[in-house]
């Protein structure tokens, strides 16, 4: 499981350093939101461990690539669903706008 420790900011730096552990490897990362960095590290660690269980491989580089592919797949599925939803909302909004225009025109004419 990913773990993290927050390091004090270095002199003149506005970002904090966070030490995280992903798949038993330590990384010092910088960012403005340490909690977010830790959550990302935990997510990547969990993905790598899930891939390791499924593939029974110990090659860390291979596990990292397979985990990255899984994460990329999740991202693209979510993006496709979101993009498709936006198109549907636009179609519905245009339809409702047309209906509203018709109603308003009928009231003006009547």
N, C-alpha and C. Protein backbone atom coordinates (compact mmCIF):
# COMPACT_ATOMS: atom_id res chain seq x y z
N UNK A 1 0.84 -1.18 0.00
CA UNK A 1 0.00 0.00 0.00
C UNK A 1 0.88 1.24 0.00
N UNK A 2 0.46 2.25 -0.69
CA UNK A 2 1.24 3.49 -0.76
C UNK A 2 1.23 4.16 0.59
N UNK A 3 2.36 4.74 0.92
CA UNK A 3 2.45 5.51 2.15
C UNK A 3 3.12 6.83 1.81
N UNK A 4 2.98 7.80 2.70
CA UNK A 4 3.54 9.12 2.40
C UNK A 4 3.93 9.83 3.67
N UNK A 5 4.94 10.68 3.52
CA UNK A 5 5.31 11.61 4.58
C UNK A 5 5.52 12.96 3.95
N UNK A 6 5.06 13.99 4.63
CA UNK A 6 5.19 15.34 4.09
C UNK A 6 6.51 15.93 4.56
N UNK A 7 7.29 16.42 3.60
CA UNK A 7 8.57 17.05 3.91
C UNK A 7 8.38 18.56 3.96
N UNK A 8 9.16 19.27 4.78
CA UNK A 8 9.03 20.72 4.80
C UNK A 8 9.44 21.33 3.46
N UNK A 9 8.84 22.47 3.14
CA UNK A 9 9.15 23.14 1.88
C UNK A 9 10.60 23.57 1.87
N UNK A 10 11.23 23.46 0.71
CA UNK A 10 12.62 23.89 0.59
C UNK A 10 12.65 25.41 0.51
N UNK A 11 13.78 25.99 0.83
CA UNK A 11 13.92 27.44 0.85
C UNK A 11 13.58 28.04 -0.51
N UNK A 12 12.66 29.00 -0.53
CA UNK A 12 12.30 29.69 -1.75
C UNK A 12 11.30 28.94 -2.62
N UNK A 13 10.89 27.75 -2.21
CA UNK A 13 9.94 26.99 -3.02
C UNK A 13 8.53 27.14 -2.44
N UNK A 14 7.56 27.30 -3.31
CA UNK A 14 6.19 27.45 -2.85
C UNK A 14 5.48 26.11 -2.76
N UNK A 15 6.10 25.07 -3.26
CA UNK A 15 5.49 23.75 -3.25
C UNK A 15 6.12 22.89 -2.18
N UNK A 16 5.31 22.01 -1.58
CA UNK A 16 5.80 21.09 -0.57
C UNK A 16 6.30 19.82 -1.21
N UNK A 17 7.26 19.19 -0.57
CA UNK A 17 7.77 17.91 -1.01
C UNK A 17 7.04 16.82 -0.23
N UNK A 18 6.61 15.80 -0.95
CA UNK A 18 5.91 14.68 -0.34
C UNK A 18 6.65 13.41 -0.70
N UNK A 19 6.95 12.61 0.29
CA UNK A 19 7.60 11.33 0.05
C UNK A 19 6.52 10.26 0.02
N UNK A 20 6.40 9.61 -1.13
CA UNK A 20 5.40 8.55 -1.27
C UNK A 20 6.10 7.25 -1.60
N UNK A 21 5.41 6.17 -1.35
CA UNK A 21 5.94 4.86 -1.68
C UNK A 21 4.93 4.16 -2.59
N UNK A 22 5.39 3.81 -3.77
CA UNK A 22 4.55 3.12 -4.74
C UNK A 22 5.22 1.80 -5.08
N UNK A 23 4.50 0.73 -4.82
CA UNK A 23 4.99 -0.62 -5.08
C UNK A 23 6.38 -0.81 -4.44
N UNK A 24 6.46 -0.41 -3.19
CA UNK A 24 7.66 -0.57 -2.36
C UNK A 24 8.86 0.23 -2.86
N UNK A 25 8.61 1.25 -3.65
CA UNK A 25 9.67 2.14 -4.14
C UNK A 25 9.34 3.56 -3.68
N UNK A 26 10.30 4.24 -3.05
CA UNK A 26 10.07 5.58 -2.52
C UNK A 26 10.33 6.64 -3.59
N UNK A 27 9.47 7.67 -3.58
CA UNK A 27 9.59 8.79 -4.51
C UNK A 27 9.37 10.08 -3.73
N UNK A 28 10.19 11.09 -4.01
CA UNK A 28 9.97 12.43 -3.46
C UNK A 28 9.32 13.26 -4.55
N UNK A 29 8.11 13.70 -4.31
CA UNK A 29 7.35 14.45 -5.31
C UNK A 29 7.03 15.84 -4.77
N UNK A 30 6.90 16.79 -5.67
CA UNK A 30 6.54 18.15 -5.28
C UNK A 30 5.21 18.52 -5.90
N UNK A 31 4.45 19.30 -5.15
CA UNK A 31 3.17 19.78 -5.64
C UNK A 31 2.53 20.68 -4.62
N UNK A 32 1.51 21.38 -5.06
CA UNK A 32 0.85 22.33 -4.16
C UNK A 32 -0.17 21.65 -3.25
N UNK A 33 -0.58 20.43 -3.58
CA UNK A 33 -1.58 19.73 -2.78
C UNK A 33 -1.06 18.35 -2.40
N UNK A 34 -0.47 18.27 -1.23
CA UNK A 34 0.16 17.02 -0.77
C UNK A 34 -0.86 15.89 -0.65
N UNK A 35 -2.05 16.20 -0.16
CA UNK A 35 -3.06 15.15 0.00
C UNK A 35 -3.44 14.55 -1.35
N UNK A 36 -3.55 15.39 -2.37
CA UNK A 36 -3.88 14.91 -3.71
C UNK A 36 -2.77 14.01 -4.25
N UNK A 37 -1.54 14.41 -4.04
CA UNK A 37 -0.39 13.61 -4.49
C UNK A 37 -0.42 12.24 -3.82
N UNK A 38 -0.72 12.22 -2.53
CA UNK A 38 -0.80 10.95 -1.80
C UNK A 38 -1.91 10.08 -2.36
N UNK A 39 -3.07 10.68 -2.66
CA UNK A 39 -4.18 9.91 -3.23
C UNK A 39 -3.79 9.31 -4.59
N UNK A 40 -3.10 10.11 -5.41
CA UNK A 40 -2.65 9.60 -6.70
C UNK A 40 -1.68 8.43 -6.51
N UNK A 41 -0.76 8.59 -5.58
CA UNK A 41 0.23 7.53 -5.31
C UNK A 41 -0.47 6.26 -4.83
N UNK A 42 -1.46 6.41 -3.97
CA UNK A 42 -2.21 5.25 -3.48
C UNK A 42 -2.93 4.55 -4.62
N UNK A 43 -3.48 5.34 -5.53
CA UNK A 43 -4.21 4.78 -6.67
C UNK A 43 -3.26 4.00 -7.58
N UNK A 44 -2.11 4.59 -7.89
CA UNK A 44 -1.13 3.92 -8.75
C UNK A 44 -0.61 2.66 -8.07
N UNK A 45 -0.34 2.75 -6.77
CA UNK A 45 0.13 1.59 -6.02
C UNK A 45 -0.90 0.46 -6.08
N UNK A 46 -2.17 0.80 -5.88
CA UNK A 46 -3.23 -0.22 -5.92
C UNK A 46 -3.33 -0.85 -7.30
N UNK A 47 -3.20 -0.04 -8.35
CA UNK A 47 -3.26 -0.58 -9.71
C UNK A 47 -2.09 -1.52 -9.97
N UNK A 48 -0.90 -1.13 -9.55
CA UNK A 48 0.27 -1.98 -9.76
C UNK A 48 0.13 -3.30 -9.00
N UNK A 49 -0.39 -3.23 -7.79
CA UNK A 49 -0.56 -4.46 -7.00
C UNK A 49 -1.63 -5.36 -7.61
N UNK A 50 -2.69 -4.77 -8.15
CA UNK A 50 -3.74 -5.56 -8.80
C UNK A 50 -3.19 -6.26 -10.04
N UNK A 51 -2.40 -5.54 -10.82
CA UNK A 51 -1.79 -6.14 -12.02
C UNK A 51 -0.83 -7.24 -11.61
N UNK A 52 -0.05 -7.01 -10.56
CA UNK A 52 0.91 -8.02 -10.08
C UNK A 52 0.19 -9.30 -9.67
N UNK A 53 -0.96 -9.16 -9.02
CA UNK A 53 -1.73 -10.34 -8.61
C UNK A 53 -2.28 -11.10 -9.82
N UNK A 54 -2.72 -10.36 -10.82
CA UNK A 54 -3.34 -10.98 -12.00
C UNK A 54 -2.30 -11.62 -12.92
N UNK A 55 -1.12 -11.02 -13.03
CA UNK A 55 -0.13 -11.51 -13.98
C UNK A 55 0.95 -12.37 -13.35
N UNK A 56 1.10 -12.29 -12.06
CA UNK A 56 2.13 -13.04 -11.34
C UNK A 56 3.53 -12.75 -11.87
N UNK A 57 3.75 -11.51 -12.29
CA UNK A 57 5.07 -11.11 -12.76
C UNK A 57 5.74 -10.25 -11.69
N UNK A 58 7.06 -10.27 -11.66
CA UNK A 58 7.80 -9.47 -10.69
C UNK A 58 8.57 -8.34 -11.36
N UNK A 59 8.50 -8.25 -12.67
CA UNK A 59 9.19 -7.19 -13.41
C UNK A 59 8.46 -5.87 -13.17
N UNK A 60 9.07 -5.00 -12.38
CA UNK A 60 8.43 -3.75 -11.97
C UNK A 60 8.12 -2.84 -13.15
N UNK A 61 9.02 -2.77 -14.12
CA UNK A 61 8.77 -1.92 -15.29
C UNK A 61 7.57 -2.43 -16.07
N UNK A 62 7.47 -3.72 -16.23
CA UNK A 62 6.33 -4.32 -16.94
C UNK A 62 5.03 -4.05 -16.17
N UNK A 63 5.07 -4.20 -14.86
CA UNK A 63 3.89 -3.92 -14.04
C UNK A 63 3.46 -2.46 -14.17
N UNK A 64 4.45 -1.56 -14.17
CA UNK A 64 4.14 -0.13 -14.30
C UNK A 64 3.47 0.18 -15.63
N UNK A 65 3.96 -0.43 -16.71
CA UNK A 65 3.36 -0.20 -18.03
C UNK A 65 1.95 -0.77 -18.07
N UNK A 66 1.75 -1.96 -17.56
CA UNK A 66 0.41 -2.56 -17.56
C UNK A 66 -0.56 -1.76 -16.69
N UNK A 67 -0.08 -1.27 -15.55
CA UNK A 67 -0.92 -0.43 -14.69
C UNK A 67 -1.26 0.87 -15.41
N UNK A 68 -0.28 1.45 -16.10
CA UNK A 68 -0.52 2.69 -16.85
C UNK A 68 -1.55 2.46 -17.94
N UNK A 69 -1.50 1.33 -18.62
CA UNK A 69 -2.49 1.01 -19.65
C UNK A 69 -3.88 0.87 -19.04
N UNK A 70 -3.97 0.24 -17.88
CA UNK A 70 -5.27 0.12 -17.20
C UNK A 70 -5.82 1.48 -16.82
N UNK A 71 -4.97 2.35 -16.31
CA UNK A 71 -5.39 3.70 -15.92
C UNK A 71 -5.80 4.49 -17.15
N UNK A 72 -5.04 4.38 -18.23
CA UNK A 72 -5.37 5.07 -19.48
C UNK A 72 -6.71 4.57 -20.02
N UNK A 73 -6.96 3.28 -19.94
CA UNK A 73 -8.23 2.72 -20.38
C UNK A 73 -9.39 3.30 -19.57
N UNK A 74 -9.24 3.35 -18.25
CA UNK A 74 -10.27 3.94 -17.39
C UNK A 74 -10.54 5.39 -17.77
N UNK A 75 -9.46 6.13 -17.98
CA UNK A 75 -9.58 7.55 -18.33
C UNK A 75 -10.36 7.72 -19.64
N UNK A 76 -9.98 6.96 -20.65
CA UNK A 76 -10.62 7.12 -21.96
C UNK A 76 -12.07 6.66 -21.95
N UNK A 77 -12.40 5.64 -21.17
CA UNK A 77 -13.80 5.23 -21.04
C UNK A 77 -14.62 6.33 -20.37
N UNK A 78 -14.09 6.91 -19.31
CA UNK A 78 -14.79 8.00 -18.63
C UNK A 78 -14.93 9.21 -19.54
N UNK A 79 -13.87 9.53 -20.26
CA UNK A 79 -13.90 10.68 -21.17
C UNK A 79 -14.93 10.46 -22.28
N UNK A 80 -14.96 9.26 -22.83
CA UNK A 80 -15.94 8.96 -23.89
C UNK A 80 -17.36 9.09 -23.35
N UNK A 81 -17.60 8.56 -22.15
CA UNK A 81 -18.93 8.67 -21.54
C UNK A 81 -19.30 10.12 -21.28
N UNK A 82 -18.35 10.89 -20.79
CA UNK A 82 -18.60 12.30 -20.51
C UNK A 82 -18.86 13.07 -21.80
N UNK A 83 -18.04 12.84 -22.82
CA UNK A 83 -18.22 13.53 -24.09
C UNK A 83 -19.56 13.16 -24.72
N UNK A 84 -19.93 11.89 -24.64
CA UNK A 84 -21.23 11.46 -25.18
C UNK A 84 -22.38 12.09 -24.42
N UNK A 85 -22.24 12.21 -23.11
CA UNK A 85 -23.27 12.84 -22.30
C UNK A 85 -23.43 14.31 -22.63
N UNK A 86 -22.33 14.98 -22.91
CA UNK A 86 -22.38 16.40 -23.26
C UNK A 86 -23.13 16.60 -24.56
N UNK A 87 -22.91 15.72 -25.52
CA UNK A 87 -23.61 15.82 -26.80
C UNK A 87 -25.11 15.63 -26.59
N UNK A 88 -25.48 14.66 -25.78
CA UNK A 88 -26.90 14.42 -25.50
C UNK A 88 -27.54 15.62 -24.80
N UNK A 89 -26.81 16.23 -23.85
CA UNK A 89 -27.34 17.41 -23.16
C UNK A 89 -27.54 18.57 -24.14
N UNK A 90 -26.61 18.75 -25.05
CA UNK A 90 -26.74 19.81 -26.05
C UNK A 90 -27.94 19.57 -26.97
N UNK A 91 -28.14 18.33 -27.39
CA UNK A 91 -29.28 18.00 -28.24
C UNK A 91 -30.59 18.30 -27.50
N UNK A 92 -30.63 17.89 -26.24
CA UNK A 92 -31.85 18.11 -25.44
C UNK A 92 -32.07 19.60 -25.20
N UNK A 93 -31.03 20.34 -24.92
CA UNK A 93 -31.15 21.78 -24.70
C UNK A 93 -31.63 22.47 -25.97
N UNK A 94 -31.11 22.09 -27.13
CA UNK A 94 -31.56 22.67 -28.39
C UNK A 94 -33.02 22.34 -28.67
N UNK A 95 -33.41 21.11 -28.38
CA UNK A 95 -34.81 20.71 -28.57
C UNK A 95 -35.72 21.53 -27.66
N UNK A 96 -35.35 21.65 -26.39
CA UNK A 96 -36.17 22.42 -25.45
C UNK A 96 -36.23 23.89 -25.85
N UNK A 97 -35.14 24.41 -26.35
CA UNK A 97 -35.11 25.80 -26.82
C UNK A 97 -36.06 25.98 -28.00
N UNK A 98 -36.06 25.03 -28.93
CA UNK A 98 -36.96 25.09 -30.08
C UNK A 98 -38.42 25.04 -29.63
N UNK A 99 -38.71 24.15 -28.68
CA UNK A 99 -40.08 24.04 -28.17
C UNK A 99 -40.50 25.33 -27.49
N UNK A 100 -39.61 25.90 -26.70
CA UNK A 100 -39.90 27.16 -26.02
C UNK A 100 -40.14 28.28 -27.03
N UNK A 101 -39.34 28.33 -28.09
CA UNK A 101 -39.54 29.33 -29.14
C UNK A 101 -40.92 29.18 -29.78
N UNK A 102 -41.33 27.94 -30.04
CA UNK A 102 -42.65 27.69 -30.63
C UNK A 102 -43.77 28.17 -29.72
N UNK A 103 -43.64 27.87 -28.43
CA UNK A 103 -44.66 28.28 -27.46
C UNK A 103 -44.74 29.80 -27.39
N UNK A 104 -43.60 30.45 -27.33
CA UNK A 104 -43.59 31.91 -27.25
C UNK A 104 -44.15 32.54 -28.53
N UNK A 105 -43.84 31.94 -29.66
CA UNK A 105 -44.35 32.48 -30.94
C UNK A 105 -45.87 32.31 -31.01
N UNK A 106 -46.37 31.17 -30.53
CA UNK A 106 -47.83 30.94 -30.51
C UNK A 106 -48.51 31.97 -29.63
N UNK A 107 -47.92 32.31 -28.49
CA UNK A 107 -48.52 33.29 -27.57
C UNK A 107 -48.52 34.67 -28.23
N UNK A 108 -47.49 35.02 -28.95
CA UNK A 108 -47.42 36.33 -29.61
C UNK A 108 -48.46 36.41 -30.73
N UNK A 109 -48.60 35.30 -31.46
CA UNK A 109 -49.54 35.29 -32.58
C UNK A 109 -50.99 35.22 -32.08
N UNK A 110 -51.19 34.62 -30.96
CA UNK A 110 -52.54 34.38 -30.48
C UNK A 110 -53.06 35.42 -29.61
